[in-house]
PDB file of all heavy atoms in Angstrom:
ATOM      1  N   THR A   1     -11.049 -28.111  -6.152  1.00  0.00           N
ATOM      2  CA  THR A   1     -11.053 -27.572  -4.795  1.00  0.00           C
ATOM      3  C   THR A   1     -12.122 -26.503  -4.691  1.00  0.00           C
ATOM      4  O   THR A   1     -12.203 -25.598  -5.528  1.00  0.00           O
ATOM      5  CB  THR A   1      -9.671 -27.021  -4.406  1.00  0.00           C
ATOM      6  OG1 THR A   1      -9.789 -26.322  -3.156  1.00  0.00           O
ATOM      7  CG2 THR A   1      -9.106 -26.062  -5.444  1.00  0.00           C
ATOM      8  N   PHE A   2     -12.947 -26.619  -3.665  1.00  0.00           N
ATOM      9  CA  PHE A   2     -14.074 -25.718  -3.470  1.00  0.00           C
ATOM     10  C   PHE A   2     -13.934 -25.009  -2.124  1.00  0.00           C
ATOM     11  O   PHE A   2     -13.952 -25.642  -1.070  1.00  0.00           O
ATOM     12  CB  PHE A   2     -15.394 -26.497  -3.511  1.00  0.00           C
ATOM     13  CG  PHE A   2     -15.588 -27.301  -4.766  1.00  0.00           C
ATOM     14  CD1 PHE A   2     -15.300 -28.660  -4.791  1.00  0.00           C
ATOM     15  CD2 PHE A   2     -16.036 -26.696  -5.933  1.00  0.00           C
ATOM     16  CE1 PHE A   2     -15.475 -29.407  -5.950  1.00  0.00           C
ATOM     17  CE2 PHE A   2     -16.216 -27.429  -7.105  1.00  0.00           C
ATOM     18  CZ  PHE A   2     -15.932 -28.790  -7.106  1.00  0.00           C
ATOM     19  N   ARG A   3     -13.737 -23.685  -2.152  1.00  0.00           N
ATOM     20  CA  ARG A   3     -13.766 -22.852  -0.947  1.00  0.00           C
ATOM     21  C   ARG A   3     -12.764 -23.296   0.119  1.00  0.00           C
ATOM     22  O   ARG A   3     -13.068 -23.244   1.316  1.00  0.00           O
ATOM     23  CB  ARG A   3     -15.174 -22.860  -0.336  1.00  0.00           C
ATOM     24  CG  ARG A   3     -16.302 -22.562  -1.304  1.00  0.00           C
ATOM     25  CD  ARG A   3     -17.624 -22.603  -0.568  1.00  0.00           C
ATOM     26  NE  ARG A   3     -18.757 -22.460  -1.448  1.00  0.00           N
ATOM     27  CZ  ARG A   3     -19.875 -21.805  -1.143  1.00  0.00           C
ATOM     28  NH1 ARG A   3     -19.995 -21.229   0.025  1.00  0.00           N
ATOM     29  NH2 ARG A   3     -20.873 -21.732  -1.979  1.00  0.00           N
ATOM     30  N   SER A   4     -11.584 -23.689  -0.284  1.00  0.00           N
ATOM     31  CA  SER A   4     -10.590 -24.153   0.684  1.00  0.00           C
ATOM     32  C   SER A   4      -9.314 -23.327   0.715  1.00  0.00           C
ATOM     33  O   SER A   4      -8.559 -23.396   1.700  1.00  0.00           O
ATOM     34  CB  SER A   4     -10.211 -25.616   0.382  1.00  0.00           C
ATOM     35  OG  SER A   4     -11.304 -26.483   0.589  1.00  0.00           O
ATOM     36  N   THR A   5      -9.043 -22.553  -0.332  1.00  0.00           N
ATOM     37  CA  THR A   5      -7.750 -21.885  -0.433  1.00  0.00           C
ATOM     38  C   THR A   5      -7.511 -20.903   0.705  1.00  0.00           C
ATOM     39  O   THR A   5      -6.374 -20.755   1.187  1.00  0.00           O
ATOM     40  CB  THR A   5      -7.625 -21.173  -1.794  1.00  0.00           C
ATOM     41  OG1 THR A   5      -7.692 -22.149  -2.847  1.00  0.00           O
ATOM     42  CG2 THR A   5      -6.310 -20.425  -1.910  1.00  0.00           C
ATOM     43  N   HIS A   6      -8.555 -20.224   1.183  1.00  0.00           N
ATOM     44  CA  HIS A   6      -8.356 -19.266   2.281  1.00  0.00           C
ATOM     45  C   HIS A   6      -7.809 -19.966   3.523  1.00  0.00           C
ATOM     46  O   HIS A   6      -6.960 -19.422   4.229  1.00  0.00           O
ATOM     47  CB  HIS A   6      -9.670 -18.542   2.610  1.00  0.00           C
ATOM     48  CG  HIS A   6     -10.767 -19.459   3.067  1.00  0.00           C
ATOM     49  ND1 HIS A   6     -11.542 -20.183   2.195  1.00  0.00           N
ATOM     50  CD2 HIS A   6     -11.217 -19.765   4.310  1.00  0.00           C
ATOM     51  CE1 HIS A   6     -12.429 -20.900   2.868  1.00  0.00           C
ATOM     52  NE2 HIS A   6     -12.244 -20.675   4.158  1.00  0.00           N
ATOM     53  N   GLY A   7      -8.284 -21.180   3.805  1.00  0.00           N
ATOM     54  CA  GLY A   7      -7.799 -21.919   4.964  1.00  0.00           C
ATOM     55  C   GLY A   7      -6.347 -22.313   4.822  1.00  0.00           C
ATOM     56  O   GLY A   7      -5.567 -22.243   5.788  1.00  0.00           O
ATOM     57  N   TRP A   8      -5.957 -22.724   3.624  1.00  0.00           N
ATOM     58  CA  TRP A   8      -4.553 -23.081   3.383  1.00  0.00           C
ATOM     59  C   TRP A   8      -3.653 -21.865   3.544  1.00  0.00           C
ATOM     60  O   TRP A   8      -2.553 -21.965   4.076  1.00  0.00           O
ATOM     61  CB  TRP A   8      -4.405 -23.692   1.997  1.00  0.00           C
ATOM     62  CG  TRP A   8      -5.224 -24.930   1.786  1.00  0.00           C
ATOM     63  CD1 TRP A   8      -5.623 -25.827   2.737  1.00  0.00           C
ATOM     64  CD2 TRP A   8      -5.740 -25.411   0.539  1.00  0.00           C
ATOM     65  NE1 TRP A   8      -6.354 -26.835   2.164  1.00  0.00           N
ATOM     66  CE2 TRP A   8      -6.447 -26.616   0.819  1.00  0.00           C
ATOM     67  CE3 TRP A   8      -5.683 -24.953  -0.776  1.00  0.00           C
ATOM     68  CZ2 TRP A   8      -7.086 -27.347  -0.179  1.00  0.00           C
ATOM     69  CZ3 TRP A   8      -6.324 -25.683  -1.771  1.00  0.00           C
ATOM     70  CH2 TRP A   8      -7.007 -26.862  -1.473  1.00  0.00           C
ATOM     71  N   ILE A   9      -4.126 -20.701   3.078  1.00  0.00           N
ATOM     72  CA  ILE A   9      -3.342 -19.472   3.238  1.00  0.00           C
ATOM     73  C   ILE A   9      -3.204 -19.129   4.718  1.00  0.00           C
ATOM     74  O   ILE A   9      -2.113 -18.816   5.204  1.00  0.00           O
ATOM     75  CB  ILE A   9      -4.001 -18.314   2.469  1.00  0.00           C
ATOM     76  CG1 ILE A   9      -3.906 -18.555   0.953  1.00  0.00           C
ATOM     77  CG2 ILE A   9      -3.354 -16.988   2.847  1.00  0.00           C
ATOM     78  CD1 ILE A   9      -4.669 -17.543   0.121  1.00  0.00           C
ATOM     79  N   ASN A  10      -4.313 -19.200   5.448  1.00  0.00           N
ATOM     80  CA  ASN A  10      -4.291 -18.839   6.864  1.00  0.00           C
ATOM     81  C   ASN A  10      -3.351 -19.722   7.672  1.00  0.00           C
ATOM     82  O   ASN A  10      -2.749 -19.282   8.659  1.00  0.00           O
ATOM     83  CB  ASN A  10      -5.702 -18.919   7.449  1.00  0.00           C
ATOM     84  CG  ASN A  10      -6.600 -17.788   6.973  1.00  0.00           C
ATOM     85  OD1 ASN A  10      -6.121 -16.688   6.699  1.00  0.00           O
ATOM     86  ND2 ASN A  10      -7.889 -18.044   6.852  1.00  0.00           N
ATOM     87  N   ARG A  11      -3.218 -20.990   7.266  1.00  0.00           N
ATOM     88  CA  ARG A  11      -2.363 -21.922   8.012  1.00  0.00           C
ATOM     89  C   ARG A  11      -0.950 -21.997   7.450  1.00  0.00           C
ATOM     90  O   ARG A  11      -0.120 -22.752   7.969  1.00  0.00           O
ATOM     91  CB  ARG A  11      -3.025 -23.304   8.056  1.00  0.00           C
ATOM     92  CG  ARG A  11      -4.303 -23.316   8.907  1.00  0.00           C
ATOM     93  CD  ARG A  11      -4.816 -24.714   9.147  1.00  0.00           C
ATOM     94  NE  ARG A  11      -5.393 -25.311   7.967  1.00  0.00           N
ATOM     95  CZ  ARG A  11      -6.650 -25.125   7.540  1.00  0.00           C
ATOM     96  NH1 ARG A  11      -7.451 -24.289   8.207  1.00  0.00           N
ATOM     97  NH2 ARG A  11      -7.108 -25.731   6.462  1.00  0.00           N
ATOM     98  N   GLY A  12      -0.681 -21.217   6.402  1.00  0.00           N
ATOM     99  CA  GLY A  12       0.682 -21.058   5.942  1.00  0.00           C
ATOM    100  C   GLY A  12       1.221 -22.117   5.005  1.00  0.00           C
ATOM    101  O   GLY A  12       2.425 -22.141   4.735  1.00  0.00           O
ATOM    102  N   PHE A  13       0.347 -22.996   4.480  1.00  0.00           N
ATOM    103  CA  PHE A  13       0.876 -24.036   3.596  1.00  0.00           C
ATOM    104  C   PHE A  13       0.207 -24.057   2.227  1.00  0.00           C
ATOM    105  O   PHE A  13       0.246 -25.072   1.523  1.00  0.00           O
ATOM    106  CB  PHE A  13       0.806 -25.422   4.242  1.00  0.00           C
ATOM    107  CG  PHE A  13      -0.478 -25.755   4.951  1.00  0.00           C
ATOM    108  CD1 PHE A  13      -1.662 -25.930   4.251  1.00  0.00           C
ATOM    109  CD2 PHE A  13      -0.498 -25.911   6.333  1.00  0.00           C
ATOM    110  CE1 PHE A  13      -2.837 -26.268   4.896  1.00  0.00           C
ATOM    111  CE2 PHE A  13      -1.674 -26.239   7.004  1.00  0.00           C
ATOM    112  CZ  PHE A  13      -2.849 -26.419   6.275  1.00  0.00           C
ATOM    113  N   ALA A  14      -0.374 -22.938   1.794  1.00  0.00           N
ATOM    114  CA  ALA A  14      -1.011 -22.892   0.476  1.00  0.00           C
ATOM    115  C   ALA A  14      -0.044 -23.234  -0.659  1.00  0.00           C
ATOM    116  O   ALA A  14      -0.406 -23.993  -1.569  1.00  0.00           O
ATOM    117  CB  ALA A  14      -1.668 -21.532   0.241  1.00  0.00           C
ATOM    118  N   PRO A  15       1.203 -22.695  -0.670  1.00  0.00           N
ATOM    119  CA  PRO A  15       2.108 -23.059  -1.764  1.00  0.00           C
ATOM    120  C   PRO A  15       2.359 -24.564  -1.846  1.00  0.00           C
ATOM    121  O   PRO A  15       2.417 -25.131  -2.944  1.00  0.00           O
ATOM    122  CB  PRO A  15       3.387 -22.295  -1.427  1.00  0.00           C
ATOM    123  CG  PRO A  15       2.917 -21.106  -0.629  1.00  0.00           C
ATOM    124  CD  PRO A  15       1.795 -21.640   0.197  1.00  0.00           C
ATOM    125  N   ALA A  16       2.504 -25.232  -0.701  1.00  0.00           N
ATOM    126  CA  ALA A  16       2.740 -26.676  -0.702  1.00  0.00           C
ATOM    127  C   ALA A  16       1.536 -27.433  -1.235  1.00  0.00           C
ATOM    128  O   ALA A  16       1.681 -28.442  -1.939  1.00  0.00           O
ATOM    129  CB  ALA A  16       3.077 -27.151   0.711  1.00  0.00           C
ATOM    130  N   VAL A  17       0.331 -26.962  -0.923  1.00  0.00           N
ATOM    131  CA  VAL A  17      -0.868 -27.633  -1.410  1.00  0.00           C
ATOM    132  C   VAL A  17      -0.995 -27.477  -2.922  1.00  0.00           C
ATOM    133  O   VAL A  17      -1.280 -28.445  -3.641  1.00  0.00           O
ATOM    134  CB  VAL A  17      -2.126 -27.082  -0.708  1.00  0.00           C
ATOM    135  CG1 VAL A  17      -3.385 -27.696  -1.314  1.00  0.00           C
ATOM    136  CG2 VAL A  17      -2.069 -27.365   0.786  1.00  0.00           C
ATOM    137  N   TYR A  18      -0.769 -26.275  -3.413  1.00  0.00           N
ATOM    138  CA  TYR A  18      -0.867 -26.070  -4.863  1.00  0.00           C
ATOM    139  C   TYR A  18       0.195 -26.884  -5.597  1.00  0.00           C
ATOM    140  O   TYR A  18      -0.046 -27.397  -6.695  1.00  0.00           O
ATOM    141  CB  TYR A  18      -0.788 -24.586  -5.206  1.00  0.00           C
ATOM    142  CG  TYR A  18      -2.158 -23.943  -5.186  1.00  0.00           C
ATOM    143  CD1 TYR A  18      -2.771 -23.598  -3.985  1.00  0.00           C
ATOM    144  CD2 TYR A  18      -2.857 -23.715  -6.362  1.00  0.00           C
ATOM    145  CE1 TYR A  18      -4.035 -23.037  -3.957  1.00  0.00           C
ATOM    146  CE2 TYR A  18      -4.126 -23.163  -6.352  1.00  0.00           C
ATOM    147  CZ  TYR A  18      -4.719 -22.827  -5.146  1.00  0.00           C
ATOM    148  OH  TYR A  18      -5.979 -22.281  -5.131  1.00  0.00           O
ATOM    149  N   GLN A  19       1.379 -27.029  -4.989  1.00  0.00           N
ATOM    150  CA  GLN A  19       2.410 -27.857  -5.616  1.00  0.00           C
ATOM    151  C   GLN A  19       1.992 -29.324  -5.630  1.00  0.00           C
ATOM    152  O   GLN A  19       2.228 -30.041  -6.611  1.00  0.00           O
ATOM    153  CB  GLN A  19       3.731 -27.693  -4.878  1.00  0.00           C
ATOM    154  CG  GLN A  19       4.921 -28.290  -5.628  1.00  0.00           C
ATOM    155  CD  GLN A  19       5.136 -27.582  -6.966  1.00  0.00           C
ATOM    156  OE1 GLN A  19       5.388 -26.383  -7.021  1.00  0.00           O
ATOM    157  NE2 GLN A  19       5.022 -28.331  -8.065  1.00  0.00           N
ATOM    158  N   ALA A  20       1.358 -29.781  -4.550  1.00  0.00           N
ATOM    159  CA  ALA A  20       0.890 -31.164  -4.498  1.00  0.00           C
ATOM    160  C   ALA A  20      -0.178 -31.421  -5.557  1.00  0.00           C
ATOM    161  O   ALA A  20      -0.206 -32.495  -6.187  1.00  0.00           O
ATOM    162  CB  ALA A  20       0.345 -31.478  -3.101  1.00  0.00           C
ATOM    163  N   MET A  21      -1.059 -30.448  -5.771  1.00  0.00           N
ATOM    164  CA  MET A  21      -2.094 -30.608  -6.789  1.00  0.00           C
ATOM    165  C   MET A  21      -1.481 -30.655  -8.184  1.00  0.00           C
ATOM    166  O   MET A  21      -1.928 -31.420  -9.050  1.00  0.00           O
ATOM    167  CB  MET A  21      -3.125 -29.482  -6.672  1.00  0.00           C
ATOM    168  CG  MET A  21      -3.916 -29.524  -5.371  1.00  0.00           C
ATOM    169  SD  MET A  21      -5.344 -28.402  -5.280  1.00  0.00           S
ATOM    170  CE  MET A  21      -4.548 -26.798  -5.242  1.00  0.00           C
ATOM    171  N   PHE A  22      -0.450 -29.856  -8.392  1.00  0.00           N
ATOM    172  CA  PHE A  22       0.249 -29.877  -9.671  1.00  0.00           C
ATOM    173  C   PHE A  22       0.925 -31.228  -9.887  1.00  0.00           C
ATOM    174  O   PHE A  22       0.846 -31.823 -10.968  1.00  0.00           O
ATOM    175  CB  PHE A  22       1.297 -28.756  -9.704  1.00  0.00           C
ATOM    176  CG  PHE A  22       2.062 -28.659 -11.003  1.00  0.00           C
ATOM    177  CD1 PHE A  22       1.581 -27.890 -12.048  1.00  0.00           C
ATOM    178  CD2 PHE A  22       3.269 -29.329 -11.164  1.00  0.00           C
ATOM    179  CE1 PHE A  22       2.282 -27.790 -13.248  1.00  0.00           C
ATOM    180  CE2 PHE A  22       3.982 -29.232 -12.357  1.00  0.00           C
ATOM    181  CZ  PHE A  22       3.480 -28.461 -13.400  1.00  0.00           C
ATOM    182  N   ASN A  23       1.579 -31.732  -8.858  1.00  0.00           N
ATOM    183  CA  ASN A  23       2.340 -32.968  -8.994  1.00  0.00           C
ATOM    184  C   ASN A  23       1.465 -34.165  -9.337  1.00  0.00           C
ATOM    185  O   ASN A  23       1.862 -35.031 -10.128  1.00  0.00           O
ATOM    186  CB  ASN A  23       3.117 -33.250  -7.705  1.00  0.00           C
ATOM    187  CG  ASN A  23       4.225 -32.250  -7.446  1.00  0.00           C
ATOM    188  OD1 ASN A  23       4.627 -31.501  -8.329  1.00  0.00           O
ATOM    189  ND2 ASN A  23       4.699 -32.203  -6.207  1.00  0.00           N
ATOM    190  N   VAL A  24       0.274 -34.249  -8.736  1.00  0.00           N
ATOM    191  CA  VAL A  24      -0.562 -35.439  -8.940  1.00  0.00           C
ATOM    192  C   VAL A  24      -1.211 -35.452 -10.319  1.00  0.00           C
ATOM    193  O   VAL A  24      -1.600 -36.507 -10.822  1.00  0.00           O
ATOM    194  CB  VAL A  24      -1.636 -35.543  -7.832  1.00  0.00           C
ATOM    195  CG1 VAL A  24      -2.795 -34.576  -8.075  1.00  0.00           C
ATOM    196  CG2 VAL A  24      -2.159 -36.984  -7.719  1.00  0.00           C
ATOM    197  N   LEU A  25      -1.314 -34.307 -10.978  1.00  0.00           N
ATOM    198  CA  LEU A  25      -1.976 -34.231 -12.278  1.00  0.00           C
ATOM    199  C   LEU A  25      -1.072 -34.738 -13.402  1.00  0.00           C
ATOM    200  O   LEU A  25       0.131 -34.520 -13.408  1.00  0.00           O
ATOM    201  CB  LEU A  25      -2.395 -32.798 -12.583  1.00  0.00           C
ATOM    202  CG  LEU A  25      -3.674 -32.318 -11.914  1.00  0.00           C
ATOM    203  CD1 LEU A  25      -3.819 -30.808 -12.072  1.00  0.00           C
ATOM    204  CD2 LEU A  25      -4.898 -33.029 -12.496  1.00  0.00           C
ATOM    205  N   LYS A  26      -1.707 -35.386 -14.378  1.00  0.00           N
ATOM    206  CA  LYS A  26      -1.012 -35.745 -15.611  1.00  0.00           C
ATOM    207  C   LYS A  26      -0.730 -34.467 -16.402  1.00  0.00           C
ATOM    208  O   LYS A  26      -1.448 -33.470 -16.266  1.00  0.00           O
ATOM    209  CB  LYS A  26      -1.890 -36.668 -16.451  1.00  0.00           C
ATOM    210  CG  LYS A  26      -2.305 -37.958 -15.779  1.00  0.00           C
ATOM    211  CD  LYS A  26      -3.335 -38.694 -16.627  1.00  0.00           C
ATOM    212  CE  LYS A  26      -3.849 -39.936 -15.926  1.00  0.00           C
ATOM    213  NZ  LYS A  26      -4.916 -40.629 -16.703  1.00  0.00           N
ATOM    214  N   PRO A  27       0.287 -34.475 -17.253  1.00  0.00           N
ATOM    215  CA  PRO A  27       0.464 -33.349 -18.175  1.00  0.00           C
ATOM    216  C   PRO A  27      -0.814 -33.141 -18.987  1.00  0.00           C
ATOM    217  O   PRO A  27      -1.400 -34.092 -19.506  1.00  0.00           O
ATOM    218  CB  PRO A  27       1.624 -33.800 -19.061  1.00  0.00           C
ATOM    219  CG  PRO A  27       2.404 -34.739 -18.197  1.00  0.00           C
ATOM    220  CD  PRO A  27       1.371 -35.477 -17.378  1.00  0.00           C
ATOM    221  N   GLY A  28      -1.285 -31.891 -19.042  1.00  0.00           N
ATOM    222  CA  GLY A  28      -2.553 -31.590 -19.694  1.00  0.00           C
ATOM    223  C   GLY A  28      -3.746 -31.670 -18.764  1.00  0.00           C
ATOM    224  O   GLY A  28      -4.862 -31.342 -19.161  1.00  0.00           O
ATOM    225  N   GLY A  29      -3.517 -32.098 -17.509  1.00  0.00           N
ATOM    226  CA  GLY A  29      -4.605 -32.218 -16.544  1.00  0.00           C
ATOM    227  C   GLY A  29      -5.105 -30.866 -16.062  1.00  0.00           C
ATOM    228  O   GLY A  29      -4.441 -29.837 -16.205  1.00  0.00           O
ATOM    229  N   VAL A  30      -6.296 -30.880 -15.455  1.00  0.00           N
ATOM    230  CA  VAL A  30      -7.003 -29.654 -15.078  1.00  0.00           C
ATOM    231  C   VAL A  30      -7.100 -29.500 -13.567  1.00  0.00           C
ATOM    232  O   VAL A  30      -7.385 -30.470 -12.848  1.00  0.00           O
ATOM    233  CB  VAL A  30      -8.425 -29.646 -15.674  1.00  0.00           C
ATOM    234  CG1 VAL A  30      -9.281 -28.523 -15.075  1.00  0.00           C
ATOM    235  CG2 VAL A  30      -8.364 -29.502 -17.183  1.00  0.00           C
ATOM    236  N   LEU A  31      -6.853 -28.288 -13.095  1.00  0.00           N
ATOM    237  CA  LEU A  31      -7.161 -27.886 -11.725  1.00  0.00           C
ATOM    238  C   LEU A  31      -8.340 -26.938 -11.775  1.00  0.00           C
ATOM    239  O   LEU A  31      -8.270 -25.871 -12.397  1.00  0.00           O
ATOM    240  CB  LEU A  31      -5.964 -27.186 -11.073  1.00  0.00           C
ATOM    241  CG  LEU A  31      -6.252 -26.484  -9.733  1.00  0.00           C
ATOM    242  CD1 LEU A  31      -6.655 -27.490  -8.666  1.00  0.00           C
ATOM    243  CD2 LEU A  31      -5.044 -25.661  -9.280  1.00  0.00           C
TER     244      LEU A  31
END
């Protein structure tokens, strides 16, 4: 993710986005 977190925070769903990124990754995967 490049330069997007501020927008997610401003719209109130940053925690949900970070959880979605965690969920899609394999164990040992990189964010």
